[in-house]
Amino acid sequence: MTKPRNYQTEAIIIKKIKLGEADRILTLYTPHLGKIQAVAKGVRRPRSKMAGHLELLTHSLVSLARGRNIDTITGSQTINSFLPLKSDLELASYALYATELVNQFTADNIEDYPPV
């Protein structure tokens, strides 16, 4: 059975990379799909509606469309933005270090990866 073209998942954004003028490649850590990468088109534009929902250390409900090589984010809704964490410099540095560890020590696209 083939996987559906469009799907939704909860995710924490653990890495973002600039792509072109207005796009970003995001690394998402999900509870059931493991670590995945997806393109967020137009998210770097000033009037982007998804930009705030796709920031580092944000827990979001993300809608994705499967692509040949990489999935595309079609929508996003913030579940928790962890504002107290982001407002404390020491806590934010620990959290960013933890995301680097997760990114380095987990493989891409491993479904049902044990939770961290």
N, C-alpha and C. Protein backbone atom coordinates (compact mmCIF):
# COMPACT_ATOMS: atom_id res chain seq x y z
N MET A 1 0.84 -1.18 0.00
CA MET A 1 0.00 0.00 0.00
C MET A 1 0.89 1.25 0.00
N THR A 2 0.56 2.22 -0.82
CA THR A 2 1.36 3.43 -0.92
C THR A 2 1.00 4.39 0.20
N LYS A 3 1.96 5.23 0.54
CA LYS A 3 1.74 6.23 1.58
C LYS A 3 0.93 7.37 0.99
N PRO A 4 0.07 8.02 1.81
CA PRO A 4 -0.72 9.14 1.29
C PRO A 4 0.17 10.31 0.89
N ARG A 5 -0.28 11.05 -0.13
CA ARG A 5 0.50 12.18 -0.63
C ARG A 5 0.60 13.30 0.41
N ASN A 6 -0.50 13.60 1.08
CA ASN A 6 -0.52 14.65 2.10
C ASN A 6 -0.68 14.02 3.47
N TYR A 7 0.03 14.55 4.46
CA TYR A 7 -0.08 14.03 5.81
C TYR A 7 0.24 15.13 6.81
N GLN A 8 -0.16 14.89 8.07
CA GLN A 8 0.10 15.82 9.16
C GLN A 8 0.86 15.09 10.26
N THR A 9 1.71 15.82 10.95
CA THR A 9 2.43 15.25 12.08
C THR A 9 2.84 16.37 13.03
N GLU A 10 2.97 16.02 14.29
CA GLU A 10 3.54 16.96 15.25
C GLU A 10 5.05 16.90 15.08
N ALA A 11 5.70 18.04 15.27
CA ALA A 11 7.16 18.08 15.10
C ALA A 11 7.76 19.21 15.92
N ILE A 12 9.02 19.03 16.27
CA ILE A 12 9.82 20.10 16.86
C ILE A 12 10.89 20.45 15.83
N ILE A 13 11.00 21.74 15.52
CA ILE A 13 11.98 22.18 14.54
C ILE A 13 13.34 22.22 15.22
N ILE A 14 14.30 21.43 14.70
CA ILE A 14 15.61 21.34 15.34
C ILE A 14 16.73 21.97 14.50
N LYS A 15 16.46 22.28 13.24
CA LYS A 15 17.49 22.91 12.41
C LYS A 15 16.83 23.60 11.23
N LYS A 16 17.41 24.72 10.80
CA LYS A 16 16.92 25.39 9.59
C LYS A 16 18.10 25.88 8.76
N ILE A 17 17.94 25.73 7.44
CA ILE A 17 18.98 26.10 6.48
C ILE A 17 18.33 26.97 5.41
N LYS A 18 18.98 28.08 5.06
CA LYS A 18 18.47 28.95 4.00
C LYS A 18 18.56 28.23 2.66
N LEU A 19 17.53 28.44 1.83
CA LEU A 19 17.49 27.86 0.49
C LEU A 19 16.97 28.93 -0.45
N GLY A 20 17.81 29.41 -1.33
CA GLY A 20 17.39 30.45 -2.26
C GLY A 20 17.09 31.75 -1.52
N GLU A 21 16.21 32.57 -2.13
CA GLU A 21 15.89 33.87 -1.55
C GLU A 21 14.82 33.81 -0.48
N ALA A 22 13.85 32.91 -0.62
CA ALA A 22 12.70 32.96 0.27
C ALA A 22 12.38 31.64 0.96
N ASP A 23 13.13 30.59 0.69
CA ASP A 23 12.79 29.27 1.21
C ASP A 23 13.77 28.83 2.29
N ARG A 24 13.35 27.78 3.02
CA ARG A 24 14.22 27.17 4.03
C ARG A 24 14.05 25.66 3.98
N ILE A 25 15.12 24.95 4.28
CA ILE A 25 15.04 23.51 4.52
C ILE A 25 15.05 23.34 6.04
N LEU A 26 14.01 22.70 6.56
CA LEU A 26 13.88 22.50 8.00
C LEU A 26 14.10 21.04 8.34
N THR A 27 14.76 20.80 9.45
CA THR A 27 14.88 19.46 9.99
C THR A 27 13.89 19.37 11.14
N LEU A 28 13.00 18.40 11.05
CA LEU A 28 11.93 18.23 12.02
C LEU A 28 12.12 16.91 12.76
N TYR A 29 11.88 16.93 14.06
CA TYR A 29 11.92 15.68 14.83
C TYR A 29 10.48 15.36 15.22
N THR A 30 9.99 14.22 14.74
CA THR A 30 8.60 13.84 14.93
C THR A 30 8.50 12.59 15.79
N PRO A 31 7.36 12.39 16.46
CA PRO A 31 7.24 11.22 17.33
C PRO A 31 7.16 9.88 16.58
N HIS A 32 6.59 9.86 15.38
CA HIS A 32 6.39 8.59 14.68
C HIS A 32 7.25 8.43 13.43
N LEU A 33 7.68 9.53 12.82
CA LEU A 33 8.47 9.46 11.60
C LEU A 33 9.96 9.66 11.86
N GLY A 34 10.33 9.98 13.08
CA GLY A 34 11.72 10.24 13.40
C GLY A 34 12.15 11.60 12.88
N LYS A 35 13.40 11.70 12.47
CA LYS A 35 13.93 12.97 11.96
C LYS A 35 13.70 13.03 10.46
N ILE A 36 13.04 14.10 10.02
CA ILE A 36 12.78 14.28 8.59
C ILE A 36 13.19 15.69 8.18
N GLN A 37 13.42 15.86 6.89
CA GLN A 37 13.69 17.18 6.34
C GLN A 37 12.56 17.56 5.40
N ALA A 38 12.25 18.86 5.38
CA ALA A 38 11.19 19.36 4.52
C ALA A 38 11.51 20.79 4.10
N VAL A 39 10.99 21.16 2.93
CA VAL A 39 11.17 22.52 2.42
C VAL A 39 9.97 23.36 2.83
N ALA A 40 10.24 24.55 3.35
CA ALA A 40 9.20 25.53 3.66
C ALA A 40 9.34 26.64 2.63
N LYS A 41 8.45 26.66 1.66
CA LYS A 41 8.54 27.63 0.57
C LYS A 41 8.02 29.00 1.00
N GLY A 42 8.78 30.04 0.68
CA GLY A 42 8.37 31.41 0.94
C GLY A 42 8.38 31.82 2.40
N VAL A 43 8.94 31.02 3.26
CA VAL A 43 8.87 31.29 4.70
C VAL A 43 9.78 32.44 5.13
N ARG A 44 10.75 32.81 4.31
CA ARG A 44 11.65 33.92 4.65
C ARG A 44 11.13 35.27 4.15
N ARG A 45 10.01 35.27 3.50
CA ARG A 45 9.42 36.54 3.05
C ARG A 45 8.83 37.27 4.26
N PRO A 46 8.85 38.60 4.25
CA PRO A 46 8.34 39.36 5.40
C PRO A 46 6.86 39.10 5.71
N ARG A 47 6.06 38.82 4.72
CA ARG A 47 4.63 38.62 4.95
C ARG A 47 4.22 37.15 5.04
N SER A 48 5.17 36.27 5.26
CA SER A 48 4.87 34.85 5.35
C SER A 48 4.03 34.54 6.58
N LYS A 49 2.95 33.79 6.38
CA LYS A 49 2.07 33.43 7.49
C LYS A 49 2.61 32.25 8.29
N MET A 50 3.50 31.48 7.70
CA MET A 50 4.02 30.30 8.39
C MET A 50 5.32 30.57 9.14
N ALA A 51 5.95 31.71 8.94
CA ALA A 51 7.28 31.96 9.50
C ALA A 51 7.33 31.78 11.01
N GLY A 52 6.37 32.31 11.74
CA GLY A 52 6.37 32.21 13.19
C GLY A 52 6.13 30.81 13.70
N HIS A 53 5.46 30.00 12.91
CA HIS A 53 5.15 28.63 13.31
C HIS A 53 6.32 27.68 13.05
N LEU A 54 7.32 28.14 12.30
CA LEU A 54 8.42 27.26 11.90
C LEU A 54 9.77 27.78 12.38
N GLU A 55 9.82 28.27 13.60
CA GLU A 55 11.07 28.74 14.20
C GLU A 55 11.72 27.61 14.99
N LEU A 56 13.01 27.73 15.24
CA LEU A 56 13.73 26.73 16.04
C LEU A 56 13.06 26.56 17.40
N LEU A 57 13.08 25.35 17.92
CA LEU A 57 12.55 25.01 19.23
C LEU A 57 11.06 25.28 19.36
N THR A 58 10.33 25.16 18.26
CA THR A 58 8.88 25.33 18.29
C THR A 58 8.22 23.98 18.03
N HIS A 59 7.25 23.65 18.87
CA HIS A 59 6.48 22.41 18.71
C HIS A 59 5.25 22.78 17.88
N SER A 60 5.14 22.21 16.69
CA SER A 60 4.08 22.58 15.75
C SER A 60 3.39 21.36 15.18
N LEU A 61 2.16 21.58 14.73
CA LEU A 61 1.45 20.59 13.93
C LEU A 61 1.70 20.99 12.48
N VAL A 62 2.39 20.14 11.74
CA VAL A 62 2.86 20.48 10.40
C VAL A 62 2.13 19.63 9.37
N SER A 63 1.64 20.29 8.31
CA SER A 63 1.04 19.59 7.17
C SER A 63 2.09 19.52 6.07
N LEU A 64 2.27 18.32 5.52
CA LEU A 64 3.31 18.12 4.51
C LEU A 64 2.75 17.42 3.28
N ALA A 65 3.39 17.68 2.15
CA ALA A 65 3.09 16.98 0.90
C ALA A 65 4.35 16.24 0.49
N ARG A 66 4.21 14.97 0.18
CA ARG A 66 5.38 14.17 -0.21
C ARG A 66 5.91 14.64 -1.55
N GLY A 67 7.22 14.71 -1.64
CA GLY A 67 7.88 15.06 -2.89
C GLY A 67 8.78 13.93 -3.32
N ARG A 68 9.38 14.06 -4.49
CA ARG A 68 10.28 13.01 -4.98
C ARG A 68 11.47 12.83 -4.06
N ASN A 69 12.14 13.94 -3.76
CA ASN A 69 13.35 13.87 -2.94
C ASN A 69 13.13 14.37 -1.52
N ILE A 70 12.33 15.41 -1.39
CA ILE A 70 12.12 16.04 -0.08
C ILE A 70 10.67 16.50 0.00
N ASP A 71 10.09 16.39 1.18
CA ASP A 71 8.70 16.79 1.37
C ASP A 71 8.61 18.32 1.46
N THR A 72 7.40 18.85 1.20
CA THR A 72 7.15 20.28 1.24
C THR A 72 6.13 20.58 2.34
N ILE A 73 6.42 21.58 3.15
CA ILE A 73 5.49 21.99 4.20
C ILE A 73 4.42 22.86 3.56
N THR A 74 3.15 22.45 3.74
CA THR A 74 2.03 23.18 3.16
C THR A 74 1.27 24.00 4.19
N GLY A 75 1.47 23.71 5.46
CA GLY A 75 0.80 24.46 6.52
C GLY A 75 1.40 24.12 7.86
N SER A 76 1.17 25.00 8.83
CA SER A 76 1.73 24.77 10.15
C SER A 76 0.92 25.52 11.19
N GLN A 77 0.81 24.92 12.37
CA GLN A 77 0.11 25.54 13.49
C GLN A 77 0.93 25.28 14.76
N THR A 78 1.21 26.34 15.51
CA THR A 78 2.02 26.21 16.72
C THR A 78 1.24 25.53 17.82
N ILE A 79 1.85 24.54 18.44
CA ILE A 79 1.28 23.89 19.62
C ILE A 79 1.87 24.52 20.87
N ASN A 80 3.20 24.68 20.89
CA ASN A 80 3.88 25.31 22.02
C ASN A 80 5.14 25.99 21.49
N SER A 81 5.29 27.27 21.79
CA SER A 81 6.47 27.99 21.31
C SER A 81 7.58 28.07 22.36
N PHE A 82 7.34 27.57 23.56
CA PHE A 82 8.35 27.54 24.62
C PHE A 82 8.96 28.92 24.88
N LEU A 83 8.12 29.94 25.03
CA LEU A 83 8.61 31.31 25.24
C LEU A 83 9.49 31.47 26.48
N PRO A 84 9.15 30.85 27.64
CA PRO A 84 10.06 31.00 28.79
C PRO A 84 11.46 30.45 28.49
N LEU A 85 11.53 29.38 27.73
CA LEU A 85 12.81 28.79 27.36
C LEU A 85 13.60 29.73 26.47
N LYS A 86 12.93 30.34 25.50
CA LYS A 86 13.61 31.22 24.55
C LYS A 86 13.99 32.56 25.16
N SER A 87 13.32 32.97 26.24
CA SER A 87 13.63 34.27 26.85
C SER A 87 14.81 34.20 27.83
N ASP A 88 15.21 33.01 28.24
CA ASP A 88 16.36 32.83 29.14
C ASP A 88 17.55 32.36 28.31
N LEU A 89 18.59 33.16 28.26
CA LEU A 89 19.75 32.86 27.40
C LEU A 89 20.41 31.53 27.75
N GLU A 90 20.57 31.25 29.04
CA GLU A 90 21.22 30.01 29.45
C GLU A 90 20.38 28.79 29.06
N LEU A 91 19.07 28.85 29.33
CA LEU A 91 18.18 27.74 28.96
C LEU A 91 18.13 27.56 27.45
N ALA A 92 18.10 28.67 26.71
CA ALA A 92 18.05 28.58 25.25
C ALA A 92 19.33 27.93 24.71
N SER A 93 20.47 28.25 25.30
CA SER A 93 21.72 27.64 24.83
C SER A 93 21.74 26.14 25.10
N TYR A 94 21.22 25.72 26.27
CA TYR A 94 21.12 24.28 26.55
C TYR A 94 20.18 23.59 25.58
N ALA A 95 19.05 24.23 25.29
CA ALA A 95 18.08 23.64 24.37
C ALA A 95 18.65 23.52 22.96
N LEU A 96 19.35 24.54 22.50
CA LEU A 96 19.96 24.48 21.17
C LEU A 96 21.05 23.43 21.11
N TYR A 97 21.79 23.26 22.19
CA TYR A 97 22.79 22.20 22.24
C TYR A 97 22.12 20.83 22.16
N ALA A 98 21.00 20.68 22.86
CA ALA A 98 20.26 19.41 22.81
C ALA A 98 19.75 19.13 21.40
N THR A 99 19.29 20.16 20.68
CA THR A 99 18.83 19.93 19.31
C THR A 99 19.98 19.53 18.40
N GLU A 100 21.17 20.09 18.63
CA GLU A 100 22.34 19.67 17.85
C GLU A 100 22.67 18.20 18.11
N LEU A 101 22.57 17.78 19.37
CA LEU A 101 22.83 16.37 19.70
C LEU A 101 21.82 15.46 19.02
N VAL A 102 20.54 15.83 19.09
CA VAL A 102 19.50 15.02 18.44
C VAL A 102 19.76 14.95 16.94
N ASN A 103 20.10 16.07 16.34
CA ASN A 103 20.35 16.11 14.91
C ASN A 103 21.55 15.24 14.52
N GLN A 104 22.61 15.27 15.31
CA GLN A 104 23.82 14.51 14.98
C GLN A 104 23.69 13.01 15.25
N PHE A 105 22.93 12.64 16.28
CA PHE A 105 22.91 11.24 16.70
C PHE A 105 21.66 10.47 16.30
N THR A 106 20.80 11.04 15.48
CA THR A 106 19.64 10.30 14.98
C THR A 106 19.72 10.22 13.46
N ALA A 107 19.28 9.11 12.93
CA ALA A 107 19.29 8.91 11.48
C ALA A 107 18.02 9.50 10.88
N ASP A 108 18.09 9.86 9.61
CA ASP A 108 16.92 10.40 8.91
C ASP A 108 15.93 9.30 8.57
N ASN A 109 14.66 9.65 8.61
CA ASN A 109 13.55 8.81 8.12
C ASN A 109 13.48 7.43 8.76
N ILE A 110 13.72 7.34 10.05
CA ILE A 110 13.55 6.08 10.78
C ILE A 110 12.21 6.17 11.50
N GLU A 111 11.22 5.43 11.01
CA GLU A 111 9.89 5.51 11.60
C GLU A 111 9.86 4.85 12.96
N ASP A 112 9.03 5.40 13.85
CA ASP A 112 8.84 4.93 15.22
C ASP A 112 10.16 4.83 15.97
N TYR A 113 10.99 5.85 15.80
CA TYR A 113 12.25 5.96 16.52
C TYR A 113 11.93 6.16 17.99
N PRO A 114 12.65 5.56 18.91
CA PRO A 114 12.34 5.73 20.34
C PRO A 114 12.40 7.21 20.74
N PRO A 115 11.44 7.69 21.53
CA PRO A 115 11.43 9.10 21.91
C PRO A 115 12.63 9.46 22.77
N VAL A 116 13.03 10.71 22.65
CA VAL A 116 14.17 11.21 23.42
C VAL A 116 13.69 11.72 24.75
